Amino acid sequence: MKEVEIFTDGACSGNPGPGGYGAILKYKGVEKEISGGEAHTTNNRMEMTAVITALEMLKEPCKVTLYSDSKYVIDSVTKGWVKNWEKKNWMRGSEKVPNTELWKKLLALLDKHKVEFVWVKGHAGHPENERCDRLAVEQSQKFKEP
């Protein structure tokens, strides 16, 4: 099984507002950057989109170490919250879980790949996290009104 490192970040100017995401994939010394954005979104959606888009780039099942500064994404997966929401028909108490369609996509990708999530502190000098942040912010700026 191929071993890949993925670094992700999302950004949003306002929450909701224009947003972007960035990711770096590393495999055997080769790096690939990806990024994108939306005109009206939230920071959590961009964090999730970064992870999903990066995992979708993998052409076959891989062992992935995924680095993110998003406690929302990491805790939801590693603490079992998302599996619990799925069992409860995407409800959290009496409220529908936000971003259900993204969680479903992520769960499908997690079934395909063996992913270890690693939290990194954002804006703390982690080189790849800082690069992903720049990619995400650049994308969000494309959607800002002049």
C-alpha atoms as a PDB file:
ATOM      1  CA  MET A   1       0.000   0.000   0.000  1.00  0.00           C
ATOM      2  CA  LYS A   2       1.427   3.384  -1.001  1.00  0.00           C
ATOM      3  CA  GLU A   3       2.159   5.794   1.861  1.00  0.00           C
ATOM      4  CA  VAL A   4       1.125   9.397   1.290  1.00  0.00           C
ATOM      5  CA  GLU A   5       1.311  12.509   3.459  1.00  0.00           C
ATOM      6  CA  ILE A   6      -1.441  15.089   3.075  1.00  0.00           C
ATOM      7  CA  PHE A   7      -1.537  18.569   4.614  1.00  0.00           C
ATOM      8  CA  THR A   8      -4.779  20.582   4.486  1.00  0.00           C
ATOM      9  CA  ASP A   9      -6.252  23.899   5.511  1.00  0.00           C
ATOM     10  CA  GLY A  10      -9.368  25.952   4.915  1.00  0.00           C
ATOM     11  CA  ALA A  11     -10.021  29.671   5.184  1.00  0.00           C
ATOM     12  CA  CYS A  12     -13.062  31.893   5.165  1.00  0.00           C
ATOM     13  CA  SER A  13     -13.338  35.680   5.064  1.00  0.00           C
ATOM     14  CA  GLY A  14     -16.324  36.091   7.321  1.00  0.00           C
ATOM     15  CA  ASN A  15     -18.101  32.965   8.458  1.00  0.00           C
ATOM     16  CA  PRO A  16     -20.075  32.526   6.265  1.00  0.00           C
ATOM     17  CA  GLY A  17     -18.366  34.354   3.440  1.00  0.00           C
ATOM     18  CA  PRO A  18     -15.936  33.793   0.594  1.00  0.00           C
ATOM     19  CA  GLY A  19     -13.766  30.788   1.343  1.00  0.00           C
ATOM     20  CA  GLY A  20     -10.899  28.718   0.066  1.00  0.00           C
ATOM     21  CA  TYR A  21      -8.995  25.551   0.757  1.00  0.00           C
ATOM     22  CA  GLY A  22      -5.509  24.305   0.093  1.00  0.00           C
ATOM     23  CA  ALA A  23      -3.788  20.950   0.312  1.00  0.00           C
ATOM     24  CA  ILE A  24      -0.368  19.468  -0.303  1.00  0.00           C
ATOM     25  CA  LEU A  25       0.064  15.801  -1.172  1.00  0.00           C
ATOM     26  CA  LYS A  26       3.512  14.203  -0.764  1.00  0.00           C
ATOM     27  CA  TYR A  27       4.539  10.837  -2.156  1.00  0.00           C
ATOM     28  CA  LYS A  28       8.128   9.628  -2.503  1.00  0.00           C
ATOM     29  CA  GLY A  29       9.558  13.144  -2.524  1.00  0.00           C
ATOM     30  CA  VAL A  30       7.037  14.476  -5.049  1.00  0.00           C
ATOM     31  CA  GLU A  31       4.616  17.214  -3.994  1.00  0.00           C
ATOM     32  CA  LYS A  32       1.338  18.315  -5.519  1.00  0.00           C
ATOM     33  CA  GLU A  33      -0.574  21.408  -4.411  1.00  0.00           C
ATOM     34  CA  ILE A  34      -4.315  21.721  -4.904  1.00  0.00           C
ATOM     35  CA  SER A  35      -6.672  24.548  -4.018  1.00  0.00           C
ATOM     36  CA  GLY A  36     -10.108  25.927  -4.714  1.00  0.00           C
ATOM     37  CA  GLY A  37     -12.856  27.971  -3.172  1.00  0.00           C
ATOM     38  CA  GLU A  38     -16.463  29.084  -3.044  1.00  0.00           C
ATOM     39  CA  ALA A  39     -18.146  32.468  -3.024  1.00  0.00           C
ATOM     40  CA  HIS A  40     -20.362  31.754  -0.007  1.00  0.00           C
ATOM     41  CA  THR A  41     -19.319  29.106   2.482  1.00  0.00           C
ATOM     42  CA  THR A  42     -18.056  28.478   6.014  1.00  0.00           C
ATOM     43  CA  ASN A  43     -14.639  27.737   7.440  1.00  0.00           C
ATOM     44  CA  ASN A  44     -15.699  24.226   8.494  1.00  0.00           C
ATOM     45  CA  ARG A  45     -16.894  23.445   4.958  1.00  0.00           C
ATOM     46  CA  MET A  46     -13.566  24.594   3.536  1.00  0.00           C
ATOM     47  CA  GLU A  47     -11.604  22.516   6.075  1.00  0.00           C
ATOM     48  CA  MET A  48     -13.642  19.451   5.096  1.00  0.00           C
ATOM     49  CA  THR A  49     -13.417  20.190   1.376  1.00  0.00           C
ATOM     50  CA  ALA A  50      -9.618  20.357   1.616  1.00  0.00           C
ATOM     51  CA  VAL A  51      -9.499  16.886   3.181  1.00  0.00           C
ATOM     52  CA  ILE A  52     -12.045  15.378   0.780  1.00  0.00           C
ATOM     53  CA  THR A  53     -10.500  16.871  -2.356  1.00  0.00           C
ATOM     54  CA  ALA A  54      -7.018  15.699  -1.359  1.00  0.00           C
ATOM     55  CA  LEU A  55      -8.202  12.143  -0.636  1.00  0.00           C
ATOM     56  CA  GLU A  56     -10.124  12.094  -3.933  1.00  0.00           C
ATOM     57  CA  MET A  57      -6.824  12.747  -5.758  1.00  0.00           C
ATOM     58  CA  LEU A  58      -5.532   9.318  -4.725  1.00  0.00           C
ATOM     59  CA  LYS A  59      -6.035   6.827  -7.537  1.00  0.00           C
ATOM     60  CA  GLU A  60      -5.826   3.702  -5.376  1.00  0.00           C
ATOM     61  CA  PRO A  61      -6.213   2.815  -1.687  1.00  0.00           C
ATOM     62  CA  CYS A  62      -3.350   4.354   0.283  1.00  0.00           C
ATOM     63  CA  LYS A  63      -2.017   4.609   3.788  1.00  0.00           C
ATOM     64  CA  VAL A  64      -2.366   8.314   4.524  1.00  0.00           C
ATOM     65  CA  THR A  65      -1.013  10.513   7.270  1.00  0.00           C
ATOM     66  CA  LEU A  66      -3.231  13.579   7.116  1.00  0.00           C
ATOM     67  CA  TYR A  67      -2.216  16.783   8.901  1.00  0.00           C
ATOM     68  CA  SER A  68      -4.823  19.448   9.651  1.00  0.00           C
ATOM     69  CA  ASP A  69      -5.329  22.308  12.071  1.00  0.00           C
ATOM     70  CA  SER A  70      -9.077  21.609  12.118  1.00  0.00           C
ATOM     71  CA  LYS A  71     -10.204  20.144  15.434  1.00  0.00           C
ATOM     72  CA  TYR A  72     -13.694  20.025  13.900  1.00  0.00           C
ATOM     73  CA  VAL A  73     -12.625  17.534  11.236  1.00  0.00           C
ATOM     74  CA  ILE A  74     -10.123  15.563  13.293  1.00  0.00           C
ATOM     75  CA  ASP A  75     -12.197  15.213  16.452  1.00  0.00           C
ATOM     76  CA  SER A  76     -15.346  14.360  14.510  1.00  0.00           C
ATOM     77  CA  VAL A  77     -13.546  11.393  12.957  1.00  0.00           C
ATOM     78  CA  THR A  78     -11.128  10.256  15.669  1.00  0.00           C
ATOM     79  CA  LYS A  79     -13.588  10.607  18.542  1.00  0.00           C
ATOM     80  CA  GLY A  80     -16.281   8.728  16.622  1.00  0.00           C
ATOM     81  CA  TRP A  81     -18.748  11.607  16.437  1.00  0.00           C
ATOM     82  CA  VAL A  82     -19.340  11.240  12.701  1.00  0.00           C
ATOM     83  CA  LYS A  83     -20.077   7.502  12.988  1.00  0.00           C
ATOM     84  CA  ASN A  84     -22.517   8.318  15.794  1.00  0.00           C
ATOM     85  CA  TRP A  85     -24.237  10.975  13.651  1.00  0.00           C
ATOM     86  CA  GLU A  86     -24.514   8.472  10.819  1.00  0.00           C
ATOM     87  CA  LYS A  87     -26.140   5.897  13.149  1.00  0.00           C
ATOM     88  CA  LYS A  88     -28.608   8.560  14.305  1.00  0.00           C
ATOM     89  CA  ASN A  89     -29.579   9.438  10.721  1.00  0.00           C
ATOM     90  CA  TRP A  90     -27.407  12.574  10.715  1.00  0.00           C
ATOM     91  CA  MET A  91     -29.131  14.095  13.693  1.00  0.00           C
ATOM     92  CA  ARG A  92     -27.447  15.630  16.731  1.00  0.00           C
ATOM     93  CA  GLY A  93     -30.162  15.829  19.320  1.00  0.00           C
ATOM     94  CA  SER A  94     -33.092  17.488  17.554  1.00  0.00           C
ATOM     95  CA  GLU A  95     -30.898  19.245  14.953  1.00  0.00           C
ATOM     96  CA  LYS A  96     -29.617  18.016  11.604  1.00  0.00           C
ATOM     97  CA  VAL A  97     -25.821  17.689  11.504  1.00  0.00           C
ATOM     98  CA  PRO A  98     -24.323  20.485   9.367  1.00  0.00           C
ATOM     99  CA  ASN A  99     -22.415  19.502   6.229  1.00  0.00           C
ATOM    100  CA  THR A 100     -24.005  16.042   6.055  1.00  0.00           C
ATOM    101  CA  GLU A 101     -23.208  15.597   2.360  1.00  0.00           C
ATOM    102  CA  LEU A 102     -19.530  16.314   3.043  1.00  0.00           C
ATOM    103  CA  TRP A 103     -19.419  13.911   5.986  1.00  0.00           C
ATOM    104  CA  LYS A 104     -20.898  11.173   3.778  1.00  0.00           C
ATOM    105  CA  LYS A 105     -18.209  11.785   1.135  1.00  0.00           C
ATOM    106  CA  LEU A 106     -15.494  11.746   3.780  1.00  0.00           C
ATOM    107  CA  LEU A 107     -16.744   8.491   5.319  1.00  0.00           C
ATOM    108  CA  ALA A 108     -16.700   6.813   1.897  1.00  0.00           C
ATOM    109  CA  LEU A 109     -13.103   7.937   1.394  1.00  0.00           C
ATOM    110  CA  LEU A 110     -12.123   6.741   4.868  1.00  0.00           C
ATOM    111  CA  ASP A 111     -13.504   3.310   3.948  1.00  0.00           C
ATOM    112  CA  LYS A 112     -11.197   3.286   0.916  1.00  0.00           C
ATOM    113  CA  HIS A 113      -7.995   4.591   2.532  1.00  0.00           C
ATOM    114  CA  LYS A 114      -6.252   3.932   5.828  1.00  0.00           C
ATOM    115  CA  VAL A 115      -6.025   7.446   7.266  1.00  0.00           C
ATOM    116  CA  GLU A 116      -4.244   8.594  10.393  1.00  0.00           C
ATOM    117  CA  PHE A 117      -5.229  12.134  11.383  1.00  0.00           C
ATOM    118  CA  VAL A 118      -2.621  14.388  12.993  1.00  0.00           C
ATOM    119  CA  TRP A 119      -3.552  17.752  14.455  1.00  0.00           C
ATOM    120  CA  VAL A 120      -1.147  20.645  13.963  1.00  0.00           C
ATOM    121  CA  LYS A 121      -1.514  24.022  15.598  1.00  0.00           C
ATOM    122  CA  GLY A 122      -2.560  26.592  13.002  1.00  0.00           C
ATOM    123  CA  HIS A 123      -0.547  29.766  12.442  1.00  0.00           C
ATOM    124  CA  ALA A 124       2.307  28.358  14.504  1.00  0.00           C
ATOM    125  CA  GLY A 125       4.992  28.082  11.860  1.00  0.00           C
ATOM    126  CA  HIS A 126       4.355  24.531  10.616  1.00  0.00           C
ATOM    127  CA  PRO A 127       5.741  24.894   7.051  1.00  0.00           C
ATOM    128  CA  GLU A 128       3.145  22.863   5.153  1.00  0.00           C
ATOM    129  CA  ASN A 129       0.257  24.206   7.225  1.00  0.00           C
ATOM    130  CA  GLU A 130       1.405  27.750   6.481  1.00  0.00           C
ATOM    131  CA  ARG A 131       1.588  26.932   2.755  1.00  0.00           C
ATOM    132  CA  CYS A 132      -1.888  25.424   2.803  1.00  0.00           C
ATOM    133  CA  ASP A 133      -3.183  28.488   4.624  1.00  0.00           C
ATOM    134  CA  ARG A 134      -1.704  30.758   1.939  1.00  0.00           C
ATOM    135  CA  LEU A 135      -3.305  28.648  -0.801  1.00  0.00           C
ATOM    136  CA  ALA A 136      -6.673  28.779   0.980  1.00  0.00           C
ATOM    137  CA  VAL A 137      -6.549  32.528   1.593  1.00  0.00           C
ATOM    138  CA  GLU A 138      -5.525  33.191  -2.035  1.00  0.00           C
ATOM    139  CA  GLN A 139      -8.552  31.235  -3.209  1.00  0.00           C
ATOM    140  CA  SER A 140     -10.929  33.014  -0.821  1.00  0.00           C
ATOM    141  CA  GLN A 141      -9.678  36.376  -2.088  1.00  0.00           C
ATOM    142  CA  LYS A 142     -10.841  35.485  -5.614  1.00  0.00           C
ATOM    143  CA  PHE A 143     -14.431  35.606  -4.388  1.00  0.00           C
ATOM    144  CA  LYS A 144     -14.253  38.859  -2.412  1.00  0.00           C
ATOM    145  CA  GLU A 145     -16.264  41.714  -3.832  1.00  0.00           C
ATOM    146  CA  PRO A 146     -14.175  44.726  -4.890  1.00  0.00           C
END
